[in-house]
PDB file of N, CA and C in Angstrom:
ATOM      1  N   MET A   1     148.905 119.373 118.712  1.00  0.00           N
ATOM      2  CA  MET A   1     147.670 119.861 118.150  1.00  0.00           C
ATOM      3  C   MET A   1     146.517 119.267 118.943  1.00  0.00           C
ATOM      4  N   THR A   2     145.529 120.062 119.240  1.00  0.00           N
ATOM      5  CA  THR A   2     144.385 119.577 119.998  1.00  0.00           C
ATOM      6  C   THR A   2     143.209 119.365 119.071  1.00  0.00           C
ATOM      7  N   THR A   3     142.291 118.544 119.520  1.00  0.00           N
ATOM      8  CA  THR A   3     141.098 118.259 118.746  1.00  0.00           C
ATOM      9  C   THR A   3     140.089 119.365 118.979  1.00  0.00           C
ATOM     10  N   PRO A   4     139.484 119.903 117.916  1.00  0.00           N
ATOM     11  CA  PRO A   4     138.463 120.935 118.104  1.00  0.00           C
ATOM     12  C   PRO A   4     137.322 120.406 118.958  1.00  0.00           C
ATOM     13  N   ALA A   5     136.658 121.302 119.669  1.00  0.00           N
ATOM     14  CA  ALA A   5     135.597 120.906 120.596  1.00  0.00           C
ATOM     15  C   ALA A   5     134.457 120.178 119.894  1.00  0.00           C
ATOM     16  N   THR A   6     134.247 120.433 118.609  1.00  0.00           N
ATOM     17  CA  THR A   6     133.146 119.788 117.897  1.00  0.00           C
ATOM     18  C   THR A   6     133.476 118.359 117.502  1.00  0.00           C
ATOM     19  N   ASP A   7     134.732 118.005 117.453  1.00  0.00           N
ATOM     20  CA  ASP A   7     135.140 116.644 117.101  1.00  0.00           C
ATOM     21  C   ASP A   7     135.110 115.769 118.346  1.00  0.00           C
ATOM     22  N   ARG A   8     134.751 114.517 118.132  1.00  0.00           N
ATOM     23  CA  ARG A   8     134.792 113.551 119.226  1.00  0.00           C
ATOM     24  C   ARG A   8     136.155 112.897 119.237  1.00  0.00           C
ATOM     25  N   PRO A   9     136.702 112.685 120.431  1.00  0.00           N
ATOM     26  CA  PRO A   9     137.983 111.970 120.487  1.00  0.00           C
ATOM     27  C   PRO A   9     137.794 110.529 120.021  1.00  0.00           C
ATOM     28  N   GLY A  10     138.865 109.926 119.548  1.00  0.00           N
ATOM     29  CA  GLY A  10     138.812 108.569 119.029  1.00  0.00           C
ATOM     30  C   GLY A  10     138.335 107.548 120.036  1.00  0.00           C
ATOM     31  N   TYR A  11     138.527 107.818 121.313  1.00  0.00           N
ATOM     32  CA  TYR A  11     138.143 106.869 122.348  1.00  0.00           C
ATOM     33  C   TYR A  11     136.720 107.102 122.855  1.00  0.00           C
ATOM     34  N   ALA A  12     135.985 108.012 122.251  1.00  0.00           N
ATOM     35  CA  ALA A  12     134.659 108.414 122.754  1.00  0.00           C
ATOM     36  C   ALA A  12     133.728 107.221 122.976  1.00  0.00           C
ATOM     37  N   ASP A  13     133.754 106.266 122.063  1.00  0.00           N
ATOM     38  CA  ASP A  13     132.870 105.105 122.195  1.00  0.00           C
ATOM     39  C   ASP A  13     133.304 104.163 123.313  1.00  0.00           C
ATOM     40  N   ARG A  14     134.553 104.283 123.754  1.00  0.00           N
ATOM     41  CA  ARG A  14     135.084 103.390 124.800  1.00  0.00           C
ATOM     42  C   ARG A  14     135.475 104.170 126.046  1.00  0.00           C
ATOM     43  N   LYS A  15     134.935 105.372 126.185  1.00  0.00           N
ATOM     44  CA  LYS A  15     135.322 106.249 127.285  1.00  0.00           C
ATOM     45  C   LYS A  15     135.143 105.579 128.651  1.00  0.00           C
ATOM     46  N   GLY A  16     134.020 104.914 128.850  1.00  0.00           N
ATOM     47  CA  GLY A  16     133.774 104.244 130.132  1.00  0.00           C
ATOM     48  C   GLY A  16     134.811 103.178 130.431  1.00  0.00           C
ATOM     49  N   ALA A  17     135.180 102.412 129.414  1.00  0.00           N
ATOM     50  CA  ALA A  17     136.182 101.356 129.602  1.00  0.00           C
ATOM     51  C   ALA A  17     137.545 101.959 129.924  1.00  0.00           C
ATOM     52  N   VAL A  18     137.890 103.059 129.256  1.00  0.00           N
ATOM     53  CA  VAL A  18     139.173 103.723 129.527  1.00  0.00           C
ATOM     54  C   VAL A  18     139.184 104.256 130.956  1.00  0.00           C
ATOM     55  N   GLN A  19     138.084 104.884 131.353  1.00  0.00           N
ATOM     56  CA  GLN A  19     138.010 105.411 132.717  1.00  0.00           C
ATOM     57  C   GLN A  19     138.111 104.292 133.754  1.00  0.00           C
ATOM     58  N   MET A  20     137.471 103.154 133.477  1.00  0.00           N
ATOM     59  CA  MET A  20     137.540 102.026 134.413  1.00  0.00           C
ATOM     60  C   MET A  20     138.976 101.522 134.536  1.00  0.00           C
ATOM     61  N   ARG A  21     139.682 101.432 133.411  1.00  0.00           N
ATOM     62  CA  ARG A  21     141.078 100.980 133.452  1.00  0.00           C
ATOM     63  C   ARG A  21     141.931 101.956 134.252  1.00  0.00           C
ATOM     64  N   LEU A  22     141.699 103.255 134.066  1.00  0.00           N
ATOM     65  CA  LEU A  22     142.475 104.254 134.807  1.00  0.00           C
ATOM     66  C   LEU A  22     142.157 104.209 136.300  1.00  0.00           C
ATOM     67  N   ARG A  23     140.915 103.950 136.651  1.00  0.00           N
ATOM     68  CA  ARG A  23     140.572 103.812 138.079  1.00  0.00           C
ATOM     69  C   ARG A  23     141.261 102.591 138.682  1.00  0.00           C
ATOM     70  N   ARG A  24     141.348 101.515 137.906  1.00  0.00           N
ATOM     71  CA  ARG A  24     142.046 100.312 138.381  1.00  0.00           C
ATOM     72  C   ARG A  24     143.529 100.641 138.614  1.00  0.00           C
ATOM     73  N   ILE A  25     144.125 101.386 137.699  1.00  0.00           N
ATOM     74  CA  ILE A  25     145.528 101.782 137.847  1.00  0.00           C
ATOM     75  C   ILE A  25     145.691 102.685 139.060  1.00  0.00           C
ATOM     76  N   GLU A  26     144.736 103.583 139.251  1.00  0.00           N
ATOM     77  CA  GLU A  26     144.766 104.458 140.425  1.00  0.00           C
ATOM     78  C   GLU A  26     144.770 103.622 141.708  1.00  0.00           C
ATOM     79  N   GLY A  27     143.986 102.570 141.718  1.00  0.00           N
ATOM     80  CA  GLY A  27     143.971 101.664 142.871  1.00  0.00           C
ATOM     81  C   GLY A  27     145.310 100.977 143.061  1.00  0.00           C
ATOM     82  N   GLN A  28     145.943 100.596 141.952  1.00  0.00           N
ATOM     83  CA  GLN A  28     147.268  99.968 142.050  1.00  0.00           C
ATOM     84  C   GLN A  28     148.276 100.946 142.655  1.00  0.00           C
ATOM     85  N   VAL A  29     148.192 102.218 142.272  1.00  0.00           N
ATOM     86  CA  VAL A  29     149.121 103.224 142.805  1.00  0.00           C
ATOM     87  C   VAL A  29     148.868 103.420 144.298  1.00  0.00           C
ATOM     88  N   ARG A  30     147.599 103.436 144.695  1.00  0.00           N
ATOM     89  CA  ARG A  30     147.303 103.517 146.137  1.00  0.00           C
ATOM     90  C   ARG A  30     147.874 102.295 146.866  1.00  0.00           C
ATOM     91  N   GLY A  31     147.800 101.135 146.210  1.00  0.00           N
ATOM     92  CA  GLY A  31     148.396  99.930 146.789  1.00  0.00           C
ATOM     93  C   GLY A  31     149.895 100.074 146.963  1.00  0.00           C
ATOM     94  N   LEU A  32     150.541 100.721 146.004  1.00  0.00           N
ATOM     95  CA  LEU A  32     151.980 100.975 146.127  1.00  0.00           C
ATOM     96  C   LEU A  32     152.276 101.853 147.340  1.00  0.00           C
ATOM     97  N   GLN A  33     151.451 102.868 147.538  1.00  0.00           N
ATOM     98  CA  GLN A  33     151.643 103.741 148.697  1.00  0.00           C
ATOM     99  C   GLN A  33     151.510 102.948 149.995  1.00  0.00           C
ATOM    100  N   ARG A  34     150.528 102.053 150.048  1.00  0.00           N
ATOM    101  CA  ARG A  34     150.358 101.200 151.238  1.00  0.00           C
ATOM    102  C   ARG A  34     151.576 100.307 151.436  1.00  0.00           C
ATOM    103  N   MET A  35     152.081  99.768 150.336  1.00  0.00           N
ATOM    104  CA  MET A  35     153.257  98.895 150.429  1.00  0.00           C
ATOM    105  C   MET A  35     154.425  99.644 151.059  1.00  0.00           C
ATOM    106  N   ILE A  36     154.624 100.877 150.659  1.00  0.00           N
ATOM    107  CA  ILE A  36     155.707 101.690 151.235  1.00  0.00           C
ATOM    108  C   ILE A  36     155.416 101.980 152.701  1.00  0.00           C
ATOM    109  N   ASP A  37     154.154 102.344 153.004  1.00  0.00           N
ATOM    110  CA  ASP A  37     153.781 102.594 154.406  1.00  0.00           C
ATOM    111  C   ASP A  37     154.051 101.376 155.280  1.00  0.00           C
ATOM    112  N   GLU A  38     153.860 100.179 154.718  1.00  0.00           N
ATOM    113  CA  GLU A  38     154.009  98.937 155.475  1.00  0.00           C
ATOM    114  C   GLU A  38     155.414  98.340 155.364  1.00  0.00           C
ATOM    115  N   ASP A  39     156.347  99.109 154.791  1.00  0.00           N
ATOM    116  CA  ASP A  39     157.735  98.656 154.661  1.00  0.00           C
ATOM    117  C   ASP A  39     157.851  97.323 153.925  1.00  0.00           C
ATOM    118  N   THR A  40     157.110  97.196 152.826  1.00  0.00           N
ATOM    119  CA  THR A  40     157.130  95.974 152.029  1.00  0.00           C
ATOM    120  C   THR A  40     158.504  95.814 151.374  1.00  0.00           C
ATOM    121  N   TYR A  41     158.900  94.583 151.215  1.00  0.00           N
ATOM    122  CA  TYR A  41     160.177  94.243 150.587  1.00  0.00           C
ATOM    123  C   TYR A  41     160.308  94.984 149.250  1.00  0.00           C
ATOM    124  N   CYS A  42     161.454  95.600 149.031  1.00  0.00           N
ATOM    125  CA  CYS A  42     161.652  96.481 147.879  1.00  0.00           C
ATOM    126  C   CYS A  42     161.409  95.789 146.539  1.00  0.00           C
ATOM    127  N   MET A  43     161.786  94.530 146.413  1.00  0.00           N
ATOM    128  CA  MET A  43     161.584  93.839 145.138  1.00  0.00           C
ATOM    129  C   MET A  43     160.095  93.656 144.837  1.00  0.00           C
ATOM    130  N   ASP A  44     159.291  93.469 145.866  1.00  0.00           N
ATOM    131  CA  ASP A  44     157.847  93.359 145.676  1.00  0.00           C
ATOM    132  C   ASP A  44     157.254  94.691 145.218  1.00  0.00           C
ATOM    133  N   VAL A  45     157.762  95.782 145.779  1.00  0.00           N
ATOM    134  CA  VAL A  45     157.308  97.120 145.368  1.00  0.00           C
ATOM    135  C   VAL A  45     157.691  97.351 143.908  1.00  0.00           C
ATOM    136  N   LEU A  46     158.914  96.996 143.549  1.00  0.00           N
ATOM    137  CA  LEU A  46     159.359  97.180 142.167  1.00  0.00           C
ATOM    138  C   LEU A  46     158.528  96.351 141.185  1.00  0.00           C
ATOM    139  N   THR A  47     158.149  95.164 141.591  1.00  0.00           N
ATOM    140  CA  THR A  47     157.293  94.329 140.743  1.00  0.00           C
ATOM    141  C   THR A  47     155.954  95.022 140.509  1.00  0.00           C
ATOM    142  N   GLN A  48     155.386  95.600 141.567  1.00  0.00           N
ATOM    143  CA  GLN A  48     154.116  96.307 141.435  1.00  0.00           C
ATOM    144  C   GLN A  48     154.262  97.552 140.573  1.00  0.00           C
ATOM    145  N   ILE A  49     155.375  98.262 140.711  1.00  0.00           N
ATOM    146  CA  ILE A  49     155.621  99.453 139.884  1.00  0.00           C
ATOM    147  C   ILE A  49     155.669  99.050 138.416  1.00  0.00           C
ATOM    148  N   SER A  50     156.312  97.944 138.139  1.00  0.00           N
ATOM    149  CA  SER A  50     156.378  97.444 136.764  1.00  0.00           C
ATOM    150  C   SER A  50     154.980  97.134 136.228  1.00  0.00           C
ATOM    151  N   ALA A  51     154.135  96.550 137.052  1.00  0.00           N
ATOM    152  CA  ALA A  51     152.766  96.231 136.633  1.00  0.00           C
ATOM    153  C   ALA A  51     151.979  97.500 136.335  1.00  0.00           C
ATOM    154  N   VAL A  52     152.145  98.529 137.161  1.00  0.00           N
ATOM    155  CA  VAL A  52     151.456  99.804 136.928  1.00  0.00           C
ATOM    156  C   VAL A  52     151.956 100.428 135.632  1.00  0.00           C
ATOM    157  N   SER A  53     153.251 100.395 135.410  1.00  0.00           N
ATOM    158  CA  SER A  53     153.819 100.958 134.183  1.00  0.00           C
ATOM    159  C   SER A  53     153.261 100.252 132.947  1.00  0.00           C
ATOM    160  N   ARG A  54     153.187  98.929 133.000  1.00  0.00           N
ATOM    161  CA  ARG A  54     152.637  98.169 131.864  1.00  0.00           C
ATOM    162  C   ARG A  54     151.169  98.487 131.649  1.00  0.00           C
ATOM    163  N   ALA A  55     150.433  98.668 132.735  1.00  0.00           N
ATOM    164  CA  ALA A  55     149.011  98.997 132.614  1.00  0.00           C
ATOM    165  C   ALA A  55     148.827 100.369 131.968  1.00  0.00           C
ATOM    166  N   LEU A  56     149.643 101.334 132.358  1.00  0.00           N
ATOM    167  CA  LEU A  56     149.566 102.669 131.741  1.00  0.00           C
ATOM    168  C   LEU A  56     149.965 102.617 130.272  1.00  0.00           C
ATOM    169  N   GLU A  57     151.000 101.845 129.960  1.00  0.00           N
ATOM    170  CA  GLU A  57     151.411 101.699 128.562  1.00  0.00           C
ATOM    171  C   GLU A  57     150.290 101.077 127.738  1.00  0.00           C
ATOM    172  N   SER A  58     149.582 100.141 128.315  1.00  0.00           N
ATOM    173  CA  SER A  58     148.472  99.495 127.621  1.00  0.00           C
ATOM    174  C   SER A  58     147.367 100.502 127.303  1.00  0.00           C
ATOM    175  N   VAL A  59     147.051 101.371 128.246  1.00  0.00           N
ATOM    176  CA  VAL A  59     146.048 102.415 128.006  1.00  0.00           C
ATOM    177  C   VAL A  59     146.549 103.359 126.919  1.00  0.00           C
ATOM    178  N   ALA A  60     147.808 103.747 126.986  1.00  0.00           N
ATOM    179  CA  ALA A  60     148.375 104.661 125.989  1.00  0.00           C
ATOM    180  C   ALA A  60     148.313 104.059 124.591  1.00  0.00           C
ATOM    181  N   ILE A  61     148.643 102.793 124.468  1.00  0.00           N
ATOM    182  CA  ILE A  61     148.608 102.130 123.162  1.00  0.00           C
ATOM    183  C   ILE A  61     147.178 102.046 122.646  1.00  0.00           C
ATOM    184  N   ALA A  62     146.232 101.767 123.531  1.00  0.00           N
ATOM    185  CA  ALA A  62     144.825 101.712 123.118  1.00  0.00           C
ATOM    186  C   ALA A  62     144.353 103.082 122.630  1.00  0.00           C
ATOM    187  N   LEU A  63     144.754 104.147 123.332  1.00  0.00           N
ATOM    188  CA  LEU A  63     144.370 105.494 122.903  1.00  0.00           C
ATOM    189  C   LEU A  63     145.026 105.859 121.576  1.00  0.00           C
ATOM    190  N   LEU A  64     146.265 105.466 121.394  1.00  0.00           N
ATOM    191  CA  LEU A  64     146.945 105.716 120.125  1.00  0.00           C
ATOM    192  C   LEU A  64     146.250 104.964 118.996  1.00  0.00           C
ATOM    193  N   ASP A  65     145.878 103.728 119.259  1.00  0.00           N
ATOM    194  CA  ASP A  65     145.149 102.933 118.274  1.00  0.00           C
ATOM    195  C   ASP A  65     143.833 103.624 117.895  1.00  0.00           C
ATOM    196  N   ASP A  66     143.114 104.109 118.909  1.00  0.00           N
ATOM    197  CA  ASP A  66     141.868 104.833 118.643  1.00  0.00           C
ATOM    198  C   ASP A  66     142.130 106.073 117.800  1.00  0.00           C
ATOM    199  N   HIS A  67     143.204 106.793 118.106  1.00  0.00           N
ATOM    200  CA  HIS A  67     143.544 108.005 117.360  1.00  0.00           C
ATOM    201  C   HIS A  67     143.818 107.669 115.890  1.00  0.00           C
ATOM    202  N   LEU A  68     144.596 106.632 115.673  1.00  0.00           N
ATOM    203  CA  LEU A  68     144.928 106.260 114.299  1.00  0.00           C
ATOM    204  C   LEU A  68     143.690 105.804 113.530  1.00  0.00           C
ATOM    205  N   HIS A  69     142.827 105.044 114.187  1.00  0.00           N
ATOM    206  CA  HIS A  69     141.649 104.504 113.507  1.00  0.00           C
ATOM    207  C   HIS A  69     140.506 105.502 113.385  1.00  0.00           C
ATOM    208  N   SER A  70     140.580 106.608 114.087  1.00  0.00           N
ATOM    209  CA  SER A  70     139.492 107.585 113.970  1.00  0.00           C
ATOM    210  C   SER A  70     140.010 108.889 113.369  1.00  0.00           C
ATOM    211  N   CYS A  71     140.791 109.619 114.109  1.00  0.00           N
ATOM    212  CA  CYS A  71     141.241 110.947 113.671  1.00  0.00           C
ATOM    213  C   CYS A  71     142.066 110.877 112.387  1.00  0.00           C
ATOM    214  N   VAL A  72     143.059 110.002 112.374  1.00  0.00           N
ATOM    215  CA  VAL A  72     143.943 109.922 111.202  1.00  0.00           C
ATOM    216  C   VAL A  72     143.197 109.337 110.013  1.00  0.00           C
ATOM    217  N   THR A  73     142.417 108.288 110.233  1.00  0.00           N
ATOM    218  CA  THR A  73     141.663 107.678 109.141  1.00  0.00           C
ATOM    219  C   THR A  73     140.677 108.681 108.540  1.00  0.00           C
ATOM    220  N   THR A  74     140.012 109.450 109.393  1.00  0.00           N
ATOM    221  CA  THR A  74     139.086 110.475 108.906  1.00  0.00           C
ATOM    222  C   THR A  74     139.829 111.530 108.094  1.00  0.00           C
ATOM    223  N   ALA A  75     140.983 111.947 108.597  1.00  0.00           N
ATOM    224  CA  ALA A  75     141.768 112.956 107.877  1.00  0.00           C
ATOM    225  C   ALA A  75     142.199 112.444 106.509  1.00  0.00           C
ATOM    226  N   VAL A  76     142.556 111.171 106.418  1.00  0.00           N
ATOM    227  CA  VAL A  76     142.954 110.581 105.135  1.00  0.00           C
ATOM    228  C   VAL A  76     141.758 110.533 104.191  1.00  0.00           C
ATOM    229  N   SER A  77     140.635 110.023 104.672  1.00  0.00           N
ATOM    230  CA  SER A  77     139.473 109.851 103.801  1.00  0.00           C
ATOM    231  C   SER A  77     138.887 111.178 103.339  1.00  0.00           C
ATOM    232  N   GLU A  78     139.020 112.220 104.164  1.00  0.00           N
ATOM    233  CA  GLU A  78     138.492 113.533 103.803  1.00  0.00           C
ATOM    234  C   GLU A  78     139.557 114.417 103.162  1.00  0.00           C
ATOM    235  N   GLN A  79     140.735 113.872 102.948  1.00  0.00           N
ATOM    236  CA  GLN A  79     141.860 114.633 102.411  1.00  0.00           C
ATOM    237  C   GLN A  79     142.021 115.959 103.169  1.00  0.00           C
ATOM    238  N   ASP A  80     141.979 115.827 104.492  1.00  0.00           N
ATOM    239  CA  ASP A  80     142.070 116.959 105.410  1.00  0.00           C
ATOM    240  C   ASP A  80     143.438 117.627 105.298  1.00  0.00           C
ATOM    241  N   ALA A  81     143.436 118.949 105.305  1.00  0.00           N
ATOM    242  CA  ALA A  81     144.689 119.702 105.241  1.00  0.00           C
ATOM    243  C   ALA A  81     145.548 119.467 106.477  1.00  0.00           C
ATOM    244  N   ASP A  82     144.940 119.019 107.567  1.00  0.00           N
ATOM    245  CA  ASP A  82     145.667 118.761 108.809  1.00  0.00           C
ATOM    246  C   ASP A  82     146.228 117.351 108.890  1.00  0.00           C
ATOM    247  N   LEU A  83     146.160 116.593 107.800  1.00  0.00           N
ATOM    248  CA  LEU A  83     146.628 115.207 107.823  1.00  0.00           C
ATOM    249  C   LEU A  83     148.071 115.109 108.290  1.00  0.00           C
ATOM    250  N   ASP A  84     148.951 115.926 107.738  1.00  0.00           N
ATOM    251  CA  ASP A  84     150.361 115.863 108.143  1.00  0.00           C
ATOM    252  C   ASP A  84     150.519 116.161 109.628  1.00  0.00           C
ATOM    253  N   ALA A  85     149.752 117.108 110.132  1.00  0.00           N
ATOM    254  CA  ALA A  85     149.831 117.444 111.558  1.00  0.00           C
ATOM    255  C   ALA A  85     149.356 116.269 112.408  1.00  0.00           C
ATOM    256  N   LYS A  86     148.297 115.603 111.985  1.00  0.00           N
ATOM    257  CA  LYS A  86     147.797 114.443 112.737  1.00  0.00           C
ATOM    258  C   LYS A  86     148.804 113.294 112.715  1.00  0.00           C
ATOM    259  N   LEU A  87     149.443 113.078 111.575  1.00  0.00           N
ATOM    260  CA  LEU A  87     150.475 112.049 111.493  1.00  0.00           C
ATOM    261  C   LEU A  87     151.672 112.411 112.377  1.00  0.00           C
ATOM    262  N   ASP A  88     152.061 113.688 112.374  1.00  0.00           N
ATOM    263  CA  ASP A  88     153.155 114.140 113.229  1.00  0.00           C
ATOM    264  C   ASP A  88     152.821 113.929 114.705  1.00  0.00           C
ATOM    265  N   GLU A  89     151.559 114.214 115.084  1.00  0.00           N
ATOM    266  CA  GLU A  89     151.124 113.979 116.464  1.00  0.00           C
ATOM    267  C   GLU A  89     151.260 112.510 116.826  1.00  0.00           C
ATOM    268  N   ALA A  90     150.798 111.654 115.936  1.00  0.00           N
ATOM    269  CA  ALA A  90     150.865 110.216 116.198  1.00  0.00           C
ATOM    270  C   ALA A  90     152.314 109.764 116.334  1.00  0.00           C
ATOM    271  N   MET A  91     153.175 110.235 115.456  1.00  0.00           N
ATOM    272  CA  MET A  91     154.590 109.852 115.533  1.00  0.00           C
ATOM    273  C   MET A  91     155.235 110.360 116.822  1.00  0.00           C
ATOM    274  N   ALA A  92     154.884 111.560 117.236  1.00  0.00           N
ATOM    275  CA  ALA A  92     155.430 112.099 118.489  1.00  0.00           C
ATOM    276  C   ALA A  92     154.980 111.244 119.672  1.00  0.00           C
ATOM    277  N   ALA A  93     153.720 110.806 119.653  1.00  0.00           N
ATOM    278  CA  ALA A  93     153.213 109.947 120.724  1.00  0.00           C
ATOM    279  C   ALA A  93     153.941 108.603 120.721  1.00  0.00           C
ATOM    280  N   ILE A  94     154.164 108.055 119.548  1.00  0.00           N
ATOM    281  CA  ILE A  94     154.891 106.786 119.440  1.00  0.00           C
ATOM    282  C   ILE A  94     156.304 106.944 119.981  1.00  0.00           C
ATOM    283  N   ARG A  95     156.963 108.039 119.630  1.00  0.00           N
ATOM    284  CA  ARG A  95     158.326 108.286 120.136  1.00  0.00           C
ATOM    285  C   ARG A  95     158.334 108.361 121.664  1.00  0.00           C
ATOM    286  N   ARG A  96     157.348 109.052 122.233  1.00  0.00           N
ATOM    287  CA  ARG A  96     157.284 109.154 123.703  1.00  0.00           C
ATOM    288  C   ARG A  96     157.083 107.786 124.330  1.00  0.00           C
ATOM    289  N   LEU A  97     156.229 106.968 123.728  1.00  0.00           N
ATOM    290  CA  LEU A  97     155.984 105.636 124.274  1.00  0.00           C
ATOM    291  C   LEU A  97     157.222 104.747 124.174  1.00  0.00           C
ATOM    292  N   VAL A  98     157.927 104.850 123.073  1.00  0.00           N
ATOM    293  CA  VAL A  98     159.119 104.021 122.884  1.00  0.00           C
ATOM    294  C   VAL A  98     160.226 104.437 123.850  1.00  0.00           C
ATOM    295  N   ARG A  99     160.336 105.716 124.122  1.00  0.00           N
ATOM    296  CA  ARG A  99     161.372 106.210 125.037  1.00  0.00           C
ATOM    297  C   ARG A  99     161.099 105.846 126.478  1.00  0.00           C
ATOM    298  N   SER A 100     159.837 105.666 126.833  1.00  0.00           N
ATOM    299  CA  SER A 100     159.517 105.427 128.247  1.00  0.00           C
ATOM    300  C   SER A 100     159.783 103.996 128.660  1.00  0.00           C
TER     301      SER A 100
END
């Protein structure tokens, strides 16, 4: 389910911080590409891949937290008919994060 255009996403107040974190991760991925270009020892590359994965998971958890504290909380307080759908979305996101 997508958020209607009139609603603000839960991360709206922290959008700049989220974008900065993603740019930092983008830099880490470029660093990984350089490591491969430079024939860096495979274990060092794997360590960096693990760091990038953890950084992405951290962003995902922060976005999920924002979703729960904004979209879901609003749906509960307003007794929104879409509450079950929002909870299902959150659970699906949690399942994806746990599987990764």
